[in-house]
């Protein structure tokens, strides 16, 4: 099949590679323009454009779906429009060009987690299961009829990077199989359920900040959801400290009668770096709230490092506290 591919992020790249290697032919890749990133506002190459260049595919950078873009799409001969992590609503004019020959790859079990951040949302909510949905494209985000879905488990050790890898490995063959059998599959779709509909959103910097007054489980899930990038962060002596990997532990029962505050470091030695979570500990309080054992961190302006290097390099000691 001749495929028109829309995508704009790192998540799109494995699917471009899979389609390109499958024997189907990508006739054009449409992507967004390069963007400036970081404090220096350095222009960063679009990963989809770089992939298209590497594979010698025709590509087009489009700021919007103006007359020039619509005109080019109208003059291209293609059998199917595939969209993976494009980040924009496909307008009616484009859908009319594609007719009913569209596929969107969405990393959730729709109608749950429609919108831009389904992978992070599943991890933030501590879900044990997620999935992949291949759907038709409509003018509204992620509302189209379903071609097929695949459900799979989320491991407690999965963070965003690892969960994305699972989705690549499972989702790319799903997409290729659908393209192989598109003529038959196009007539066997079914509508999404009206129950269990939920929407995700674009996260802001404030969402990445750790609130140590939250439970250890909530904090652990936040770390997983945003690791390795952009990374959940806390403040240490006025500077950012990203927490990239942690695990939930229990504080020793011997500390039950101490006043320990959320965000306070209760252990800093070669066996572990423990941080208290939840509300303040009070004498006589019978239940010991869980804590987090920090495993991998990234101080501001430095490379990521294991917790013991952080302890030694920054002279961390019990009783110190991360800023709220």
Foldseek 3Di string as FASTA:
>chain_A
DEEAEEAFAPLCQLLVVLCVVLPHHDAEYEAAAFFFDDPVRHTDHTPVVVSCVVVVHHYDHDNDCDPVNLVVLLPDDGQAYEYEHRQDFDDPSNCVSRPFRYKYKDWFDPLAAWDRQSLLVCLLVVHQKTKIWIFTHDRDTPFGWTLDMDMDTDDLQAASVNVSVVCSVPVSVVVSVCVVVVVPSSPVTGGTDPPNHDYDDDDDLVLLEDDQQDAPSNRQSSLRSQPPPPARWFADPRWTKGQNHKDKDFDDPVCQAPWAARQFFADQDPVFTWGHGHGTHHGPPDDGGIIITGAWMATPPGDIDGRNCVCVVVVDDGGDGIDD
